[in-house]
PDB file of all heavy atoms in Angstrom:
ATOM      1  N   PRO A   1       9.127 -30.898  13.438  1.00  0.00           N
ATOM      2  CA  PRO A   1       9.481 -29.487  13.280  1.00  0.00           C
ATOM      3  C   PRO A   1       8.383 -28.695  12.576  1.00  0.00           C
ATOM      4  O   PRO A   1       7.580 -29.242  11.831  1.00  0.00           O
ATOM      5  CB  PRO A   1      10.753 -29.519  12.439  1.00  0.00           C
ATOM      6  CG  PRO A   1      10.737 -30.831  11.753  1.00  0.00           C
ATOM      7  CD  PRO A   1       9.969 -31.761  12.642  1.00  0.00           C
ATOM      8  N   GLU A   2       8.380 -27.378  12.847  1.00  0.00           N
ATOM      9  CA  GLU A   2       7.433 -26.467  12.201  1.00  0.00           C
ATOM     10  C   GLU A   2       7.726 -26.405  10.704  1.00  0.00           C
ATOM     11  O   GLU A   2       8.878 -26.362  10.301  1.00  0.00           O
ATOM     12  CB  GLU A   2       7.592 -25.058  12.775  1.00  0.00           C
ATOM     13  CG  GLU A   2       6.977 -24.846  14.117  1.00  0.00           C
ATOM     14  CD  GLU A   2       5.519 -24.449  14.000  1.00  0.00           C
ATOM     15  OE1 GLU A   2       5.127 -23.789  13.029  1.00  0.00           O
ATOM     16  OE2 GLU A   2       4.780 -24.818  14.908  1.00  0.00           O
ATOM     17  N   PRO A   3       6.707 -26.361   9.878  1.00  0.00           N
ATOM     18  CA  PRO A   3       6.959 -26.177   8.450  1.00  0.00           C
ATOM     19  C   PRO A   3       7.503 -24.773   8.178  1.00  0.00           C
ATOM     20  O   PRO A   3       7.102 -23.808   8.819  1.00  0.00           O
ATOM     21  CB  PRO A   3       5.591 -26.379   7.797  1.00  0.00           C
ATOM     22  CG  PRO A   3       4.601 -26.274   8.883  1.00  0.00           C
ATOM     23  CD  PRO A   3       5.305 -26.562  10.175  1.00  0.00           C
ATOM     24  N   GLU A   4       8.427 -24.664   7.239  1.00  0.00           N
ATOM     25  CA  GLU A   4       9.038 -23.373   6.948  1.00  0.00           C
ATOM     26  C   GLU A   4       8.125 -22.460   6.146  1.00  0.00           C
ATOM     27  O   GLU A   4       8.199 -21.252   6.262  1.00  0.00           O
ATOM     28  CB  GLU A   4      10.352 -23.586   6.203  1.00  0.00           C
ATOM     29  CG  GLU A   4      11.424 -24.193   7.067  1.00  0.00           C
ATOM     30  CD  GLU A   4      12.726 -24.341   6.306  1.00  0.00           C
ATOM     31  OE1 GLU A   4      12.937 -23.631   5.318  1.00  0.00           O
ATOM     32  OE2 GLU A   4      13.531 -25.175   6.734  1.00  0.00           O
ATOM     33  N   ASP A   5       7.264 -23.001   5.331  1.00  0.00           N
ATOM     34  CA  ASP A   5       6.371 -22.215   4.499  1.00  0.00           C
ATOM     35  C   ASP A   5       5.034 -22.040   5.215  1.00  0.00           C
ATOM     36  O   ASP A   5       4.080 -22.782   4.977  1.00  0.00           O
ATOM     37  CB  ASP A   5       6.184 -22.887   3.143  1.00  0.00           C
ATOM     38  CG  ASP A   5       5.414 -22.015   2.181  1.00  0.00           C
ATOM     39  OD1 ASP A   5       5.320 -20.799   2.419  1.00  0.00           O
ATOM     40  OD2 ASP A   5       4.912 -22.549   1.185  1.00  0.00           O
ATOM     41  N   THR A   6       4.971 -21.045   6.102  1.00  0.00           N
ATOM     42  CA  THR A   6       3.758 -20.860   6.893  1.00  0.00           C
ATOM     43  C   THR A   6       2.805 -19.848   6.273  1.00  0.00           C
ATOM     44  O   THR A   6       1.718 -19.648   6.781  1.00  0.00           O
ATOM     45  CB  THR A   6       4.124 -20.399   8.313  1.00  0.00           C
ATOM     46  OG1 THR A   6       4.862 -19.184   8.232  1.00  0.00           O
ATOM     47  CG2 THR A   6       4.916 -21.463   9.037  1.00  0.00           C
ATOM     48  N   GLY A   7       3.204 -19.161   5.195  1.00  0.00           N
ATOM     49  CA  GLY A   7       2.327 -18.187   4.554  1.00  0.00           C
ATOM     50  C   GLY A   7       2.537 -16.791   5.106  1.00  0.00           C
ATOM     51  O   GLY A   7       3.402 -16.549   5.939  1.00  0.00           O
ATOM     52  N   VAL A   8       1.728 -15.872   4.633  1.00  0.00           N
ATOM     53  CA  VAL A   8       1.831 -14.471   5.026  1.00  0.00           C
ATOM     54  C   VAL A   8       0.766 -14.186   6.080  1.00  0.00           C
ATOM     55  O   VAL A   8      -0.406 -14.497   5.878  1.00  0.00           O
ATOM     56  CB  VAL A   8       1.614 -13.557   3.799  1.00  0.00           C
ATOM     57  CG1 VAL A   8       1.717 -12.102   4.175  1.00  0.00           C
ATOM     58  CG2 VAL A   8       2.602 -13.893   2.708  1.00  0.00           C
ATOM     59  N   PRO A   9       1.168 -13.568   7.203  1.00  0.00           N
ATOM     60  CA  PRO A   9       0.171 -13.233   8.221  1.00  0.00           C
ATOM     61  C   PRO A   9      -0.842 -12.207   7.706  1.00  0.00           C
ATOM     62  O   PRO A   9      -0.524 -11.380   6.844  1.00  0.00           O
ATOM     63  CB  PRO A   9       0.991 -12.641   9.364  1.00  0.00           C
ATOM     64  CG  PRO A   9       2.418 -12.892   9.050  1.00  0.00           C
ATOM     65  CD  PRO A   9       2.512 -13.220   7.609  1.00  0.00           C
ATOM     66  N   LEU A  10      -2.023 -12.267   8.232  1.00  0.00           N
ATOM     67  CA  LEU A  10      -3.105 -11.389   7.797  1.00  0.00           C
ATOM     68  C   LEU A  10      -2.766  -9.914   8.011  1.00  0.00           C
ATOM     69  O   LEU A  10      -3.080  -9.073   7.166  1.00  0.00           O
ATOM     70  CB  LEU A  10      -4.397 -11.748   8.530  1.00  0.00           C
ATOM     71  CG  LEU A  10      -5.649 -11.002   8.094  1.00  0.00           C
ATOM     72  CD1 LEU A  10      -5.926 -11.250   6.619  1.00  0.00           C
ATOM     73  CD2 LEU A  10      -6.833 -11.440   8.926  1.00  0.00           C
ATOM     74  N   GLU A  11      -2.099  -9.581   9.114  1.00  0.00           N
ATOM     75  CA  GLU A  11      -1.775  -8.174   9.367  1.00  0.00           C
ATOM     76  C   GLU A  11      -0.771  -7.646   8.345  1.00  0.00           C
ATOM     77  O   GLU A  11      -0.838  -6.481   7.954  1.00  0.00           O
ATOM     78  CB  GLU A  11      -1.258  -7.970  10.780  1.00  0.00           C
ATOM     79  CG  GLU A  11       0.064  -8.638  11.063  1.00  0.00           C
ATOM     80  CD  GLU A  11       0.513  -8.460  12.498  1.00  0.00           C
ATOM     81  OE1 GLU A  11      -0.352  -8.399  13.390  1.00  0.00           O
ATOM     82  OE2 GLU A  11       1.722  -8.375  12.712  1.00  0.00           O
ATOM     83  N   ARG A  12       0.119  -8.490   7.868  1.00  0.00           N
ATOM     84  CA  ARG A  12       1.079  -8.064   6.837  1.00  0.00           C
ATOM     85  C   ARG A  12       0.356  -7.819   5.510  1.00  0.00           C
ATOM     86  O   ARG A  12       0.647  -6.861   4.802  1.00  0.00           O
ATOM     87  CB  ARG A  12       2.169  -9.105   6.671  1.00  0.00           C
ATOM     88  CG  ARG A  12       3.269  -8.666   5.743  1.00  0.00           C
ATOM     89  CD  ARG A  12       4.464  -9.599   5.852  1.00  0.00           C
ATOM     90  NE  ARG A  12       5.481  -9.298   4.879  1.00  0.00           N
ATOM     91  CZ  ARG A  12       6.466  -8.423   5.069  1.00  0.00           C
ATOM     92  NH1 ARG A  12       6.555  -7.791   6.199  1.00  0.00           N
ATOM     93  NH2 ARG A  12       7.347  -8.205   4.118  1.00  0.00           N
ATOM     94  N   ILE A  13      -0.593  -8.665   5.193  1.00  0.00           N
ATOM     95  CA  ILE A  13      -1.386  -8.475   3.978  1.00  0.00           C
ATOM     96  C   ILE A  13      -2.153  -7.160   4.058  1.00  0.00           C
ATOM     97  O   ILE A  13      -2.229  -6.411   3.081  1.00  0.00           O
ATOM     98  CB  ILE A  13      -2.347  -9.661   3.764  1.00  0.00           C
ATOM     99  CG1 ILE A  13      -1.559 -10.926   3.458  1.00  0.00           C
ATOM    100  CG2 ILE A  13      -3.337  -9.370   2.647  1.00  0.00           C
ATOM    101  CD1 ILE A  13      -2.396 -12.176   3.420  1.00  0.00           C
ATOM    102  N   ALA A  14      -2.701  -6.860   5.226  1.00  0.00           N
ATOM    103  CA  ALA A  14      -3.449  -5.614   5.402  1.00  0.00           C
ATOM    104  C   ALA A  14      -2.561  -4.397   5.180  1.00  0.00           C
ATOM    105  O   ALA A  14      -2.975  -3.417   4.540  1.00  0.00           O
ATOM    106  CB  ALA A  14      -4.067  -5.571   6.789  1.00  0.00           C
ATOM    107  N   TRP A  15      -1.324  -4.432   5.686  1.00  0.00           N
ATOM    108  CA  TRP A  15      -0.407  -3.301   5.489  1.00  0.00           C
ATOM    109  C   TRP A  15       0.014  -3.191   4.034  1.00  0.00           C
ATOM    110  O   TRP A  15       0.152  -2.079   3.499  1.00  0.00           O
ATOM    111  CB  TRP A  15       0.804  -3.406   6.397  1.00  0.00           C
ATOM    112  CG  TRP A  15       0.502  -2.995   7.800  1.00  0.00           C
ATOM    113  CD1 TRP A  15       0.533  -3.785   8.908  1.00  0.00           C
ATOM    114  CD2 TRP A  15       0.101  -1.695   8.256  1.00  0.00           C
ATOM    115  NE1 TRP A  15       0.173  -3.060  10.009  1.00  0.00           N
ATOM    116  CE2 TRP A  15      -0.092  -1.770   9.641  1.00  0.00           C
ATOM    117  CE3 TRP A  15      -0.122  -0.479   7.615  1.00  0.00           C
ATOM    118  CZ2 TRP A  15      -0.499  -0.678  10.407  1.00  0.00           C
ATOM    119  CZ3 TRP A  15      -0.521   0.612   8.373  1.00  0.00           C
ATOM    120  CH2 TRP A  15      -0.699   0.507   9.751  1.00  0.00           C
ATOM    121  N   ILE A  16       0.231  -4.307   3.357  1.00  0.00           N
ATOM    122  CA  ILE A  16       0.594  -4.280   1.943  1.00  0.00           C
ATOM    123  C   ILE A  16      -0.531  -3.658   1.114  1.00  0.00           C
ATOM    124  O   ILE A  16      -0.299  -2.829   0.228  1.00  0.00           O
ATOM    125  CB  ILE A  16       0.935  -5.701   1.438  1.00  0.00           C
ATOM    126  CG1 ILE A  16       2.249  -6.176   2.064  1.00  0.00           C
ATOM    127  CG2 ILE A  16       1.023  -5.738  -0.083  1.00  0.00           C
ATOM    128  CD1 ILE A  16       2.547  -7.637   1.819  1.00  0.00           C
ATOM    129  N   VAL A  17      -1.766  -4.037   1.410  1.00  0.00           N
ATOM    130  CA  VAL A  17      -2.918  -3.474   0.708  1.00  0.00           C
ATOM    131  C   VAL A  17      -3.028  -1.977   0.985  1.00  0.00           C
ATOM    132  O   VAL A  17      -3.292  -1.182   0.067  1.00  0.00           O
ATOM    133  CB  VAL A  17      -4.209  -4.218   1.108  1.00  0.00           C
ATOM    134  CG1 VAL A  17      -5.441  -3.495   0.595  1.00  0.00           C
ATOM    135  CG2 VAL A  17      -4.178  -5.644   0.598  1.00  0.00           C
ATOM    136  N   THR A  18      -2.806  -1.568   2.229  1.00  0.00           N
ATOM    137  CA  THR A  18      -2.868  -0.155   2.583  1.00  0.00           C
ATOM    138  C   THR A  18      -1.823   0.657   1.821  1.00  0.00           C
ATOM    139  O   THR A  18      -2.129   1.721   1.270  1.00  0.00           O
ATOM    140  CB  THR A  18      -2.662   0.032   4.105  1.00  0.00           C
ATOM    141  OG1 THR A  18      -3.669  -0.707   4.804  1.00  0.00           O
ATOM    142  CG2 THR A  18      -2.735   1.489   4.493  1.00  0.00           C
ATOM    143  N   VAL A  19      -0.604   0.150   1.769  1.00  0.00           N
ATOM    144  CA  VAL A  19       0.465   0.841   1.039  1.00  0.00           C
ATOM    145  C   VAL A  19       0.124   0.915  -0.444  1.00  0.00           C
ATOM    146  O   VAL A  19       0.280   1.973  -1.074  1.00  0.00           O
ATOM    147  CB  VAL A  19       1.823   0.140   1.266  1.00  0.00           C
ATOM    148  CG1 VAL A  19       2.883   0.696   0.344  1.00  0.00           C
ATOM    149  CG2 VAL A  19       2.259   0.282   2.716  1.00  0.00           C
ATOM    150  N   ALA A  20      -0.355  -0.173  -1.011  1.00  0.00           N
ATOM    151  CA  ALA A  20      -0.693  -0.191  -2.439  1.00  0.00           C
ATOM    152  C   ALA A  20      -1.805   0.803  -2.762  1.00  0.00           C
ATOM    153  O   ALA A  20      -1.714   1.550  -3.751  1.00  0.00           O
ATOM    154  CB  ALA A  20      -1.103  -1.602  -2.862  1.00  0.00           C
ATOM    155  N   ILE A  21      -2.830   0.849  -1.935  1.00  0.00           N
ATOM    156  CA  ILE A  21      -3.930   1.787  -2.162  1.00  0.00           C
ATOM    157  C   ILE A  21      -3.443   3.228  -2.066  1.00  0.00           C
ATOM    158  O   ILE A  21      -3.816   4.076  -2.883  1.00  0.00           O
ATOM    159  CB  ILE A  21      -5.081   1.520  -1.172  1.00  0.00           C
ATOM    160  CG1 ILE A  21      -5.785   0.222  -1.542  1.00  0.00           C
ATOM    161  CG2 ILE A  21      -6.075   2.676  -1.152  1.00  0.00           C
ATOM    162  CD1 ILE A  21      -6.809  -0.248  -0.527  1.00  0.00           C
ATOM    163  N   CYS A  22      -2.596   3.507  -1.092  1.00  0.00           N
ATOM    164  CA  CYS A  22      -2.067   4.865  -0.947  1.00  0.00           C
ATOM    165  C   CYS A  22      -1.195   5.253  -2.139  1.00  0.00           C
ATOM    166  O   CYS A  22      -1.264   6.396  -2.608  1.00  0.00           O
ATOM    167  CB  CYS A  22      -1.281   4.999   0.350  1.00  0.00           C
ATOM    168  SG  CYS A  22      -2.314   5.055   1.819  1.00  0.00           S
ATOM    169  N   LEU A  23      -0.374   4.337  -2.630  1.00  0.00           N
ATOM    170  CA  LEU A  23       0.467   4.641  -3.786  1.00  0.00           C
ATOM    171  C   LEU A  23      -0.370   4.885  -5.040  1.00  0.00           C
ATOM    172  O   LEU A  23      -0.094   5.813  -5.807  1.00  0.00           O
ATOM    173  CB  LEU A  23       1.476   3.521  -4.020  1.00  0.00           C
ATOM    174  CG  LEU A  23       2.595   3.413  -2.981  1.00  0.00           C
ATOM    175  CD1 LEU A  23       3.464   2.199  -3.280  1.00  0.00           C
ATOM    176  CD2 LEU A  23       3.427   4.679  -2.956  1.00  0.00           C
ATOM    177  N   ILE A  24      -1.381   4.069  -5.246  1.00  0.00           N
ATOM    178  CA  ILE A  24      -2.266   4.262  -6.396  1.00  0.00           C
ATOM    179  C   ILE A  24      -3.000   5.599  -6.288  1.00  0.00           C
ATOM    180  O   ILE A  24      -3.101   6.345  -7.261  1.00  0.00           O
ATOM    181  CB  ILE A  24      -3.255   3.081  -6.517  1.00  0.00           C
ATOM    182  CG1 ILE A  24      -2.510   1.813  -6.904  1.00  0.00           C
ATOM    183  CG2 ILE A  24      -4.364   3.386  -7.518  1.00  0.00           C
ATOM    184  CD1 ILE A  24      -3.333   0.543  -6.783  1.00  0.00           C
ATOM    185  N   THR A  25      -3.469   5.910  -5.087  1.00  0.00           N
ATOM    186  CA  THR A  25      -4.151   7.179  -4.867  1.00  0.00           C
ATOM    187  C   THR A  25      -3.219   8.355  -5.104  1.00  0.00           C
ATOM    188  O   THR A  25      -3.618   9.359  -5.706  1.00  0.00           O
ATOM    189  CB  THR A  25      -4.729   7.236  -3.434  1.00  0.00           C
ATOM    190  OG1 THR A  25      -5.603   6.117  -3.245  1.00  0.00           O
ATOM    191  CG2 THR A  25      -5.477   8.524  -3.194  1.00  0.00           C
ATOM    192  N   ALA A  26      -1.978   8.243  -4.656  1.00  0.00           N
ATOM    193  CA  ALA A  26      -1.011   9.321  -4.851  1.00  0.00           C
ATOM    194  C   ALA A  26      -0.773   9.576  -6.337  1.00  0.00           C
ATOM    195  O   ALA A  26      -0.695  10.728  -6.771  1.00  0.00           O
ATOM    196  CB  ALA A  26       0.299   8.988  -4.144  1.00  0.00           C
ATOM    197  N   VAL A  27      -0.671   8.513  -7.119  1.00  0.00           N
ATOM    198  CA  VAL A  27      -0.461   8.677  -8.561  1.00  0.00           C
ATOM    199  C   VAL A  27      -1.679   9.317  -9.221  1.00  0.00           C
ATOM    200  O   VAL A  27      -1.555  10.240 -10.036  1.00  0.00           O
ATOM    201  CB  VAL A  27      -0.133   7.311  -9.212  1.00  0.00           C
ATOM    202  CG1 VAL A  27      -0.157   7.413 -10.731  1.00  0.00           C
ATOM    203  CG2 VAL A  27       1.208   6.808  -8.735  1.00  0.00           C
ATOM    204  N   ILE A  28      -2.865   8.861  -8.851  1.00  0.00           N
ATOM    205  CA  ILE A  28      -4.092   9.429  -9.430  1.00  0.00           C
ATOM    206  C   ILE A  28      -4.218  10.904  -9.071  1.00  0.00           C
ATOM    207  O   ILE A  28      -4.543  11.737  -9.935  1.00  0.00           O
ATOM    208  CB  ILE A  28      -5.330   8.630  -8.959  1.00  0.00           C
ATOM    209  CG1 ILE A  28      -5.321   7.237  -9.587  1.00  0.00           C
ATOM    210  CG2 ILE A  28      -6.617   9.370  -9.312  1.00  0.00           C
ATOM    211  CD1 ILE A  28      -6.374   6.301  -9.034  1.00  0.00           C
ATOM    212  N   VAL A  29      -3.960  11.250  -7.826  1.00  0.00           N
ATOM    213  CA  VAL A  29      -4.065  12.641  -7.396  1.00  0.00           C
ATOM    214  C   VAL A  29      -2.995  13.495  -8.085  1.00  0.00           C
ATOM    215  O   VAL A  29      -3.257  14.629  -8.488  1.00  0.00           O
ATOM    216  CB  VAL A  29      -3.971  12.730  -5.852  1.00  0.00           C
ATOM    217  CG1 VAL A  29      -3.876  14.165  -5.378  1.00  0.00           C
ATOM    218  CG2 VAL A  29      -5.175  12.058  -5.216  1.00  0.00           C
ATOM    219  N   LEU A  30      -1.800  12.941  -8.253  1.00  0.00           N
ATOM    220  CA  LEU A  30      -0.738  13.673  -8.944  1.00  0.00           C
ATOM    221  C   LEU A  30      -1.112  13.920 -10.408  1.00  0.00           C
ATOM    222  O   LEU A  30      -0.906  15.025 -10.926  1.00  0.00           O
ATOM    223  CB  LEU A  30       0.575  12.894  -8.866  1.00  0.00           C
ATOM    224  CG  LEU A  30       1.788  13.551  -9.512  1.00  0.00           C
ATOM    225  CD1 LEU A  30       2.125  14.856  -8.798  1.00  0.00           C
ATOM    226  CD2 LEU A  30       2.979  12.611  -9.469  1.00  0.00           C
ATOM    227  N   LEU A  31      -1.672  12.921 -11.074  1.00  0.00           N
ATOM    228  CA  LEU A  31      -2.091  13.087 -12.461  1.00  0.00           C
ATOM    229  C   LEU A  31      -3.251  14.079 -12.591  1.00  0.00           C
ATOM    230  O   LEU A  31      -3.450  14.662 -13.660  1.00  0.00           O
ATOM    231  CB  LEU A  31      -2.480  11.740 -13.067  1.00  0.00           C
ATOM    232  CG  LEU A  31      -1.330  10.745 -13.241  1.00  0.00           C
ATOM    233  CD1 LEU A  31      -1.863   9.411 -13.751  1.00  0.00           C
ATOM    234  CD2 LEU A  31      -0.274  11.301 -14.184  1.00  0.00           C
ATOM    235  N   SER A  32      -4.008  14.258 -11.521  1.00  0.00           N
ATOM    236  CA  SER A  32      -5.105  15.227 -11.525  1.00  0.00           C
ATOM    237  C   SER A  32      -4.608  16.649 -11.298  1.00  0.00           C
ATOM    238  O   SER A  32      -5.385  17.598 -11.422  1.00  0.00           O
ATOM    239  CB  SER A  32      -6.128  14.869 -10.447  1.00  0.00           C
ATOM    240  OG  SER A  32      -6.699  13.619 -10.718  1.00  0.00           O
ATOM    241  N   GLY A  33      -3.334  16.777 -10.925  1.00  0.00           N
ATOM    242  CA  GLY A  33      -2.764  18.111 -10.773  1.00  0.00           C
ATOM    243  C   GLY A  33      -2.621  18.599  -9.347  1.00  0.00           C
ATOM    244  O   GLY A  33      -2.210  19.735  -9.130  1.00  0.00           O
ATOM    245  N   TYR A  34      -2.947  17.777  -8.386  1.00  0.00           N
ATOM    246  CA  TYR A  34      -2.843  18.179  -6.988  1.00  0.00           C
ATOM    247  C   TYR A  34      -1.523  17.664  -6.406  1.00  0.00           C
ATOM    248  O   TYR A  34      -1.466  16.600  -5.804  1.00  0.00           O
ATOM    249  CB  TYR A  34      -4.015  17.618  -6.185  1.00  0.00           C
ATOM    250  CG  TYR A  34      -5.353  18.159  -6.624  1.00  0.00           C
ATOM    251  CD1 TYR A  34      -6.216  17.375  -7.395  1.00  0.00           C
ATOM    252  CD2 TYR A  34      -5.749  19.434  -6.281  1.00  0.00           C
ATOM    253  CE1 TYR A  34      -7.434  17.861  -7.802  1.00  0.00           C
ATOM    254  CE2 TYR A  34      -6.981  19.931  -6.686  1.00  0.00           C
ATOM    255  CZ  TYR A  34      -7.812  19.135  -7.446  1.00  0.00           C
ATOM    256  OH  TYR A  34      -9.015  19.624  -7.841  1.00  0.00           O
ATOM    257  N   VAL A  35      -0.467  18.450  -6.578  1.00  0.00           N
ATOM    258  CA  VAL A  35       0.870  18.007  -6.193  1.00  0.00           C
ATOM    259  C   VAL A  35       0.999  17.894  -4.674  1.00  0.00           C
ATOM    260  O   VAL A  35       1.553  16.927  -4.160  1.00  0.00           O
ATOM    261  CB  VAL A  35       1.938  18.967  -6.767  1.00  0.00           C
ATOM    262  CG1 VAL A  35       3.329  18.551  -6.322  1.00  0.00           C
ATOM    263  CG2 VAL A  35       1.838  19.017  -8.278  1.00  0.00           C
ATOM    264  N   GLY A  36       0.490  18.863  -3.953  1.00  0.00           N
ATOM    265  CA  GLY A  36       0.602  18.853  -2.494  1.00  0.00           C
ATOM    266  C   GLY A  36      -0.118  17.674  -1.859  1.00  0.00           C
ATOM    267  O   GLY A  36       0.425  17.000  -0.976  1.00  0.00           O
ATOM    268  N   TYR A  37      -1.333  17.424  -2.320  1.00  0.00           N
ATOM    269  CA  TYR A  37      -2.087  16.302  -1.779  1.00  0.00           C
ATOM    270  C   TYR A  37      -1.423  14.977  -2.135  1.00  0.00           C
ATOM    271  O   TYR A  37      -1.440  14.031  -1.352  1.00  0.00           O
ATOM    272  CB  TYR A  37      -3.531  16.311  -2.292  1.00  0.00           C
ATOM    273  CG  TYR A  37      -4.356  17.443  -1.747  1.00  0.00           C
ATOM    274  CD1 TYR A  37      -4.929  18.386  -2.592  1.00  0.00           C
ATOM    275  CD2 TYR A  37      -4.565  17.576  -0.381  1.00  0.00           C
ATOM    276  CE1 TYR A  37      -5.687  19.422  -2.100  1.00  0.00           C
ATOM    277  CE2 TYR A  37      -5.319  18.617   0.131  1.00  0.00           C
ATOM    278  CZ  TYR A  37      -5.887  19.529  -0.732  1.00  0.00           C
ATOM    279  OH  TYR A  37      -6.627  20.553  -0.238  1.00  0.00           O
ATOM    280  N   SER A  38      -0.855  14.917  -3.313  1.00  0.00           N
ATOM    281  CA  SER A  38      -0.154  13.701  -3.721  1.00  0.00           C
ATOM    282  C   SER A  38       1.035  13.420  -2.805  1.00  0.00           C
ATOM    283  O   SER A  38       1.285  12.275  -2.435  1.00  0.00           O
ATOM    284  CB  SER A  38       0.319  13.836  -5.168  1.00  0.00           C
ATOM    285  OG  SER A  38       1.030  12.707  -5.559  1.00  0.00           O
ATOM    286  N   ALA A  39       1.755  14.472  -2.435  1.00  0.00           N
ATOM    287  CA  ALA A  39       2.896  14.306  -1.527  1.00  0.00           C
ATOM    288  C   ALA A  39       2.442  13.825  -0.156  1.00  0.00           C
ATOM    289  O   ALA A  39       3.109  12.980   0.466  1.00  0.00           O
ATOM    290  CB  ALA A  39       3.659  15.616  -1.406  1.00  0.00           C
ATOM    291  N   VAL A  40       1.313  14.315   0.302  1.00  0.00           N
ATOM    292  CA  VAL A  40       0.794  13.893   1.610  1.00  0.00           C
ATOM    293  C   VAL A  40       0.391  12.420   1.574  1.00  0.00           C
ATOM    294  O   VAL A  40       0.718  11.650   2.498  1.00  0.00           O
ATOM    295  CB  VAL A  40      -0.404  14.776   2.034  1.00  0.00           C
ATOM    296  CG1 VAL A  40      -1.107  14.202   3.248  1.00  0.00           C
ATOM    297  CG2 VAL A  40       0.057  16.199   2.301  1.00  0.00           C
ATOM    298  N   VAL A  41      -0.293  12.005   0.528  1.00  0.00           N
ATOM    299  CA  VAL A  41      -0.710  10.607   0.417  1.00  0.00           C
ATOM    300  C   VAL A  41       0.514   9.700   0.274  1.00  0.00           C
ATOM    301  O   VAL A  41       0.553   8.599   0.833  1.00  0.00           O
ATOM    302  CB  VAL A  41      -1.696  10.417  -0.755  1.00  0.00           C
ATOM    303  CG1 VAL A  41      -2.040   8.959  -0.949  1.00  0.00           C
ATOM    304  CG2 VAL A  41      -2.956  11.225  -0.523  1.00  0.00           C
TER     305      VAL A  41
END
């Protein structure tokens, strides 16, 4: 049988990194005072 613990696919890791970078950017932009741009990010 296939092992159950196959790890995380590379494409899922890429999306997780993308979401994390966008969230960090949104917080930084919000702290800089750009509310509209923060909402877009």
